[in-house]
Amino acid sequence: MRKTPRTDAVWERIATDVSLEPDVEFSTLARELEDELNNALEKINRLEGELESTKSDRDSWSNQSDEFAKTAADLMIRIQRLEEAGDFMAYNGDFMAYNDNVDFDKLVAVWEKSKEAKP
């Protein structure tokens, strides 16, 4: 593919029509301008492609971020429910104290320690 197809087309027309006189300085400028224009259009097309790719990546990360936030919120609710259940069992489980095999104070201590371990 030629770099300056429009300017080349004019030169081809000039070459076949003897009544037209080529202006070498003007045609050189025209070739340079057309070349710069084509380079600029290529760069615009490349940057538009990168922009679309970036938008796609942003949307993907945004969707994942929303999913992570929902999962984190669900997990926080689950942790809260488990803590409430554990607290209820630890502080209302006096019936376990009647079983000689259960150290109730140790059970409560282990429960309190497990609640502290969460990040």
N, C-alpha and C. Protein backbone atom coordinates (compact mmCIF):
# COMPACT_ATOMS: atom_id res chain seq x y z
N MET A 1 0.84 -1.18 0.00
CA MET A 1 0.00 0.00 0.00
C MET A 1 0.88 1.25 0.00
N ARG A 2 0.52 2.19 -0.80
CA ARG A 2 1.29 3.43 -0.89
C ARG A 2 0.97 4.33 0.30
N LYS A 3 1.95 5.14 0.68
CA LYS A 3 1.76 6.03 1.82
C LYS A 3 0.94 7.27 1.46
N THR A 4 0.99 7.67 0.19
CA THR A 4 0.29 8.89 -0.24
C THR A 4 -0.56 8.61 -1.47
N PRO A 5 -1.62 7.83 -1.34
CA PRO A 5 -2.39 7.43 -2.52
C PRO A 5 -3.07 8.60 -3.24
N ARG A 6 -3.57 9.59 -2.51
CA ARG A 6 -4.25 10.71 -3.19
C ARG A 6 -3.27 11.55 -4.00
N THR A 7 -2.13 11.84 -3.42
CA THR A 7 -1.12 12.62 -4.15
C THR A 7 -0.60 11.83 -5.34
N ASP A 8 -0.36 10.54 -5.13
CA ASP A 8 0.10 9.69 -6.23
C ASP A 8 -0.93 9.66 -7.37
N ALA A 9 -2.22 9.65 -7.03
CA ALA A 9 -3.27 9.64 -8.06
C ALA A 9 -3.21 10.92 -8.89
N VAL A 10 -2.96 12.06 -8.23
CA VAL A 10 -2.84 13.32 -8.96
C VAL A 10 -1.63 13.27 -9.88
N TRP A 11 -0.51 12.74 -9.41
CA TRP A 11 0.69 12.63 -10.23
C TRP A 11 0.45 11.71 -11.43
N GLU A 12 -0.29 10.65 -11.23
CA GLU A 12 -0.60 9.75 -12.35
C GLU A 12 -1.45 10.48 -13.39
N ARG A 13 -2.41 11.28 -12.91
CA ARG A 13 -3.24 12.06 -13.84
C ARG A 13 -2.39 13.08 -14.60
N ILE A 14 -1.46 13.72 -13.89
CA ILE A 14 -0.57 14.70 -14.53
C ILE A 14 0.31 14.01 -15.57
N ALA A 15 0.77 12.82 -15.23
CA ALA A 15 1.66 12.09 -16.14
C ALA A 15 0.95 11.71 -17.44
N THR A 16 -0.35 11.52 -17.38
CA THR A 16 -1.08 11.11 -18.60
C THR A 16 -1.66 12.30 -19.36
N ASP A 17 -1.74 13.45 -18.71
CA ASP A 17 -2.33 14.63 -19.35
C ASP A 17 -1.23 15.68 -19.51
N VAL A 18 -0.74 15.84 -20.71
CA VAL A 18 0.37 16.78 -20.97
C VAL A 18 -0.02 18.23 -20.79
N SER A 19 -1.32 18.53 -20.75
CA SER A 19 -1.73 19.92 -20.58
C SER A 19 -1.55 20.40 -19.14
N LEU A 20 -1.39 19.45 -18.21
CA LEU A 20 -1.17 19.83 -16.80
C LEU A 20 0.32 19.92 -16.53
N GLU A 21 0.72 20.98 -15.85
CA GLU A 21 2.13 21.13 -15.49
C GLU A 21 2.30 20.83 -14.01
N PRO A 22 3.16 19.89 -13.70
CA PRO A 22 3.35 19.56 -12.28
C PRO A 22 4.12 20.65 -11.55
N ASP A 23 3.68 20.93 -10.35
CA ASP A 23 4.39 21.85 -9.46
C ASP A 23 5.10 20.98 -8.43
N VAL A 24 6.40 20.79 -8.63
CA VAL A 24 7.16 19.86 -7.80
C VAL A 24 7.15 20.27 -6.33
N GLU A 25 7.33 21.55 -6.05
CA GLU A 25 7.35 22.02 -4.66
C GLU A 25 6.00 21.76 -3.98
N PHE A 26 4.92 22.06 -4.69
CA PHE A 26 3.58 21.85 -4.15
C PHE A 26 3.31 20.36 -3.95
N SER A 27 3.71 19.55 -4.90
CA SER A 27 3.45 18.11 -4.78
C SER A 27 4.26 17.50 -3.64
N THR A 28 5.47 18.01 -3.43
CA THR A 28 6.27 17.53 -2.30
C THR A 28 5.59 17.86 -0.98
N LEU A 29 5.09 19.09 -0.88
CA LEU A 29 4.36 19.49 0.32
C LEU A 29 3.10 18.64 0.48
N ALA A 30 2.39 18.42 -0.62
CA ALA A 30 1.18 17.61 -0.57
C ALA A 30 1.48 16.20 -0.09
N ARG A 31 2.57 15.61 -0.58
CA ARG A 31 2.96 14.26 -0.13
C ARG A 31 3.27 14.25 1.36
N GLU A 32 4.00 15.25 1.83
CA GLU A 32 4.35 15.32 3.25
C GLU A 32 3.08 15.46 4.10
N LEU A 33 2.18 16.36 3.66
CA LEU A 33 0.94 16.56 4.42
C LEU A 33 0.06 15.30 4.42
N GLU A 34 -0.03 14.64 3.28
CA GLU A 34 -0.83 13.42 3.20
C GLU A 34 -0.22 12.32 4.08
N ASP A 35 1.10 12.23 4.05
CA ASP A 35 1.79 11.24 4.88
C ASP A 35 1.53 11.53 6.37
N GLU A 36 1.64 12.79 6.77
CA GLU A 36 1.37 13.17 8.16
C GLU A 36 -0.09 12.87 8.54
N LEU A 37 -1.00 13.19 7.62
CA LEU A 37 -2.41 12.92 7.85
C LEU A 37 -2.65 11.43 8.05
N ASN A 38 -2.08 10.61 7.18
CA ASN A 38 -2.27 9.16 7.30
C ASN A 38 -1.68 8.62 8.59
N ASN A 39 -0.50 9.13 8.97
CA ASN A 39 0.10 8.71 10.25
C ASN A 39 -0.79 9.12 11.43
N ALA A 40 -1.33 10.34 11.37
CA ALA A 40 -2.21 10.81 12.45
C ALA A 40 -3.48 9.95 12.52
N LEU A 41 -4.05 9.61 11.38
CA LEU A 41 -5.25 8.77 11.36
C LEU A 41 -4.96 7.37 11.91
N GLU A 42 -3.80 6.82 11.56
CA GLU A 42 -3.42 5.52 12.12
C GLU A 42 -3.29 5.60 13.64
N LYS A 43 -2.67 6.68 14.11
CA LYS A 43 -2.50 6.84 15.56
C LYS A 43 -3.86 7.00 16.24
N ILE A 44 -4.76 7.77 15.64
CA ILE A 44 -6.10 7.95 16.20
C ILE A 44 -6.81 6.60 16.28
N ASN A 45 -6.74 5.82 15.20
CA ASN A 45 -7.39 4.50 15.20
C ASN A 45 -6.81 3.60 16.28
N ARG A 46 -5.48 3.62 16.43
CA ARG A 46 -4.83 2.80 17.46
C ARG A 46 -5.26 3.24 18.85
N LEU A 47 -5.28 4.56 19.08
CA LEU A 47 -5.67 5.08 20.40
C LEU A 47 -7.14 4.82 20.70
N GLU A 48 -7.99 4.89 19.67
CA GLU A 48 -9.41 4.57 19.88
C GLU A 48 -9.56 3.10 20.28
N GLY A 49 -8.77 2.22 19.65
CA GLY A 49 -8.79 0.81 20.02
C GLY A 49 -8.34 0.60 21.46
N GLU A 50 -7.27 1.30 21.85
CA GLU A 50 -6.79 1.20 23.23
C GLU A 50 -7.82 1.74 24.21
N LEU A 51 -8.50 2.82 23.83
CA LEU A 51 -9.53 3.39 24.68
C LEU A 51 -10.67 2.40 24.89
N GLU A 52 -11.12 1.76 23.83
CA GLU A 52 -12.19 0.76 23.94
C GLU A 52 -11.74 -0.39 24.82
N SER A 53 -10.49 -0.81 24.65
CA SER A 53 -9.96 -1.90 25.47
C SER A 53 -9.93 -1.48 26.94
N THR A 54 -9.51 -0.24 27.20
CA THR A 54 -9.45 0.27 28.56
C THR A 54 -10.84 0.35 29.17
N LYS A 55 -11.83 0.81 28.38
CA LYS A 55 -13.21 0.87 28.87
C LYS A 55 -13.71 -0.53 29.21
N SER A 56 -13.39 -1.48 28.36
CA SER A 56 -13.81 -2.86 28.60
C SER A 56 -13.18 -3.40 29.88
N ASP A 57 -11.87 -3.13 30.06
CA ASP A 57 -11.18 -3.56 31.29
C ASP A 57 -11.79 -2.89 32.51
N ARG A 58 -12.08 -1.59 32.40
CA ARG A 58 -12.67 -0.86 33.53
C ARG A 58 -14.02 -1.46 33.90
N ASP A 59 -14.84 -1.74 32.89
CA ASP A 59 -16.16 -2.32 33.16
C ASP A 59 -16.04 -3.69 33.81
N SER A 60 -15.07 -4.47 33.33
CA SER A 60 -14.85 -5.80 33.90
C SER A 60 -14.44 -5.70 35.36
N TRP A 61 -13.49 -4.79 35.66
CA TRP A 61 -13.05 -4.61 37.05
C TRP A 61 -14.17 -4.07 37.91
N SER A 62 -14.98 -3.18 37.35
CA SER A 62 -16.09 -2.63 38.10
C SER A 62 -17.07 -3.72 38.48
N ASN A 63 -17.38 -4.60 37.53
CA ASN A 63 -18.30 -5.71 37.81
C ASN A 63 -17.72 -6.64 38.86
N GLN A 64 -16.42 -6.95 38.74
CA GLN A 64 -15.78 -7.81 39.73
C GLN A 64 -15.76 -7.15 41.09
N SER A 65 -15.51 -5.85 41.11
CA SER A 65 -15.49 -5.11 42.37
C SER A 65 -16.85 -5.18 43.05
N ASP A 66 -17.92 -5.03 42.25
CA ASP A 66 -19.27 -5.12 42.80
C ASP A 66 -19.53 -6.52 43.38
N GLU A 67 -19.08 -7.54 42.65
CA GLU A 67 -19.25 -8.92 43.12
C GLU A 67 -18.46 -9.15 44.41
N PHE A 68 -17.22 -8.63 44.46
CA PHE A 68 -16.41 -8.79 45.67
C PHE A 68 -17.05 -8.09 46.85
N ALA A 69 -17.57 -6.89 46.62
CA ALA A 69 -18.22 -6.14 47.70
C ALA A 69 -19.44 -6.90 48.21
N LYS A 70 -20.23 -7.46 47.32
CA LYS A 70 -21.41 -8.22 47.73
C LYS A 70 -20.99 -9.45 48.51
N THR A 71 -19.97 -10.16 48.02
CA THR A 71 -19.49 -11.35 48.72
C THR A 71 -18.97 -10.98 50.11
N ALA A 72 -18.21 -9.88 50.19
CA ALA A 72 -17.68 -9.44 51.48
C ALA A 72 -18.82 -9.09 52.44
N ALA A 73 -19.83 -8.40 51.94
CA ALA A 73 -20.97 -8.03 52.78
C ALA A 73 -21.70 -9.28 53.26
N ASP A 74 -21.90 -10.25 52.36
CA ASP A 74 -22.55 -11.51 52.73
C ASP A 74 -21.74 -12.24 53.81
N LEU A 75 -20.42 -12.25 53.64
CA LEU A 75 -19.57 -12.92 54.63
C LEU A 75 -19.60 -12.20 55.98
N MET A 76 -19.63 -10.89 55.95
CA MET A 76 -19.71 -10.14 57.22
C MET A 76 -21.01 -10.46 57.96
N ILE A 77 -22.10 -10.56 57.21
CA ILE A 77 -23.39 -10.91 57.83
C ILE A 77 -23.32 -12.32 58.41
N ARG A 78 -22.71 -13.23 57.65
CA ARG A 78 -22.58 -14.61 58.15
C ARG A 78 -21.72 -14.65 59.42
N ILE A 79 -20.62 -13.93 59.44
CA ILE A 79 -19.76 -13.87 60.62
C ILE A 79 -20.55 -13.35 61.82
N GLN A 80 -21.32 -12.29 61.58
CA GLN A 80 -22.11 -11.71 62.66
C GLN A 80 -23.11 -12.73 63.21
N ARG A 81 -23.79 -13.47 62.32
CA ARG A 81 -24.75 -14.48 62.78
C ARG A 81 -24.05 -15.58 63.57
N LEU A 82 -22.87 -16.01 63.10
CA LEU A 82 -22.13 -17.05 63.81
C LEU A 82 -21.67 -16.55 65.19
N GLU A 83 -21.23 -15.29 65.26
CA GLU A 83 -20.83 -14.74 66.55
C GLU A 83 -22.02 -14.67 67.51
N GLU A 84 -23.16 -14.25 66.99
CA GLU A 84 -24.35 -14.18 67.84
C GLU A 84 -24.74 -15.57 68.35
N ALA A 85 -24.68 -16.57 67.47
CA ALA A 85 -25.00 -17.94 67.88
C ALA A 85 -24.00 -18.45 68.90
N GLY A 86 -22.71 -18.18 68.66
CA GLY A 86 -21.68 -18.61 69.60
C GLY A 86 -21.82 -17.92 70.95
N ASP A 87 -22.11 -16.62 70.92
CA ASP A 87 -22.32 -15.90 72.18
C ASP A 87 -23.51 -16.49 72.94
N PHE A 88 -24.58 -16.77 72.23
CA PHE A 88 -25.77 -17.32 72.87
C PHE A 88 -25.44 -18.66 73.52
N MET A 89 -24.71 -19.53 72.77
CA MET A 89 -24.36 -20.83 73.32
C MET A 89 -23.39 -20.69 74.49
N ALA A 90 -22.42 -19.79 74.38
CA ALA A 90 -21.42 -19.65 75.43
C ALA A 90 -22.01 -19.09 76.72
N TYR A 91 -22.93 -18.16 76.59
CA TYR A 91 -23.43 -17.49 77.79
C TYR A 91 -24.76 -18.04 78.28
N ASN A 92 -25.40 -18.86 77.49
CA ASN A 92 -26.66 -19.46 77.92
C ASN A 92 -26.56 -20.97 77.99
N GLY A 93 -25.38 -21.48 77.91
CA GLY A 93 -25.17 -22.94 77.90
C GLY A 93 -24.79 -23.47 79.26
N ASP A 94 -25.41 -22.94 80.30
CA ASP A 94 -25.10 -23.40 81.66
C ASP A 94 -25.34 -24.89 81.84
N PHE A 95 -26.24 -25.44 81.03
CA PHE A 95 -26.53 -26.87 81.15
C PHE A 95 -25.28 -27.70 80.90
N MET A 96 -24.33 -27.18 80.14
CA MET A 96 -23.11 -27.92 79.88
C MET A 96 -22.25 -28.02 81.14
N ALA A 97 -22.41 -27.07 82.01
CA ALA A 97 -21.62 -27.08 83.24
C ALA A 97 -21.96 -28.27 84.12
N TYR A 98 -23.13 -28.85 83.89
CA TYR A 98 -23.53 -30.01 84.69
C TYR A 98 -22.88 -31.28 84.19
N ASN A 99 -22.31 -31.23 83.01
CA ASN A 99 -21.62 -32.39 82.46
C ASN A 99 -20.18 -32.32 82.94
N ASP A 100 -19.73 -33.34 83.63
CA ASP A 100 -18.37 -33.33 84.20
C ASP A 100 -17.29 -33.34 83.13
N ASN A 101 -17.62 -33.75 81.91
CA ASN A 101 -16.63 -33.84 80.85
C ASN A 101 -16.39 -32.50 80.15
N VAL A 102 -17.20 -31.49 80.43
CA VAL A 102 -17.09 -30.20 79.75
C VAL A 102 -16.57 -29.16 80.73
N ASP A 103 -15.46 -28.52 80.35
CA ASP A 103 -14.94 -27.40 81.14
C ASP A 103 -15.57 -26.13 80.56
N PHE A 104 -16.65 -25.68 81.15
CA PHE A 104 -17.43 -24.56 80.63
C PHE A 104 -16.59 -23.28 80.51
N ASP A 105 -15.78 -23.02 81.51
CA ASP A 105 -14.94 -21.81 81.46
C ASP A 105 -13.95 -21.88 80.29
N LYS A 106 -13.41 -23.06 80.06
CA LYS A 106 -12.48 -23.22 78.93
C LYS A 106 -13.22 -23.04 77.61
N LEU A 107 -14.45 -23.56 77.53
CA LEU A 107 -15.25 -23.42 76.32
C LEU A 107 -15.50 -21.94 76.01
N VAL A 108 -15.85 -21.16 77.02
CA VAL A 108 -16.08 -19.73 76.82
C VAL A 108 -14.78 -19.04 76.43
N ALA A 109 -13.68 -19.41 77.04
CA ALA A 109 -12.38 -18.81 76.72
C ALA A 109 -11.99 -19.11 75.26
N VAL A 110 -12.21 -20.35 74.84
CA VAL A 110 -11.89 -20.72 73.47
C VAL A 110 -12.78 -19.93 72.51
N TRP A 111 -14.05 -19.79 72.86
CA TRP A 111 -14.97 -19.02 72.00
C TRP A 111 -14.52 -17.56 71.89
N GLU A 112 -14.18 -16.94 72.98
CA GLU A 112 -13.72 -15.55 72.96
C GLU A 112 -12.45 -15.41 72.14
N LYS A 113 -11.53 -16.37 72.28
CA LYS A 113 -10.29 -16.33 71.52
C LYS A 113 -10.56 -16.47 70.02
N SER A 114 -11.52 -17.31 69.64
CA SER A 114 -11.81 -17.51 68.23
C SER A 114 -12.41 -16.24 67.61
N LYS A 115 -13.14 -15.48 68.39
CA LYS A 115 -13.71 -14.23 67.87
C LYS A 115 -12.61 -13.19 67.64
N GLU A 116 -11.56 -13.21 68.44
CA GLU A 116 -10.47 -12.26 68.28
C GLU A 116 -9.61 -12.57 67.07
N ALA A 117 -9.60 -13.81 66.61
CA ALA A 117 -8.70 -14.24 65.55
C ALA A 117 -9.10 -13.75 64.17
N LYS A 118 -10.31 -13.25 63.99
CA LYS A 118 -10.73 -12.86 62.64
C LYS A 118 -9.96 -11.61 62.19
N PRO A 119 -9.70 -11.52 60.88
CA PRO A 119 -8.92 -10.38 60.36
C PRO A 119 -9.75 -9.11 60.33
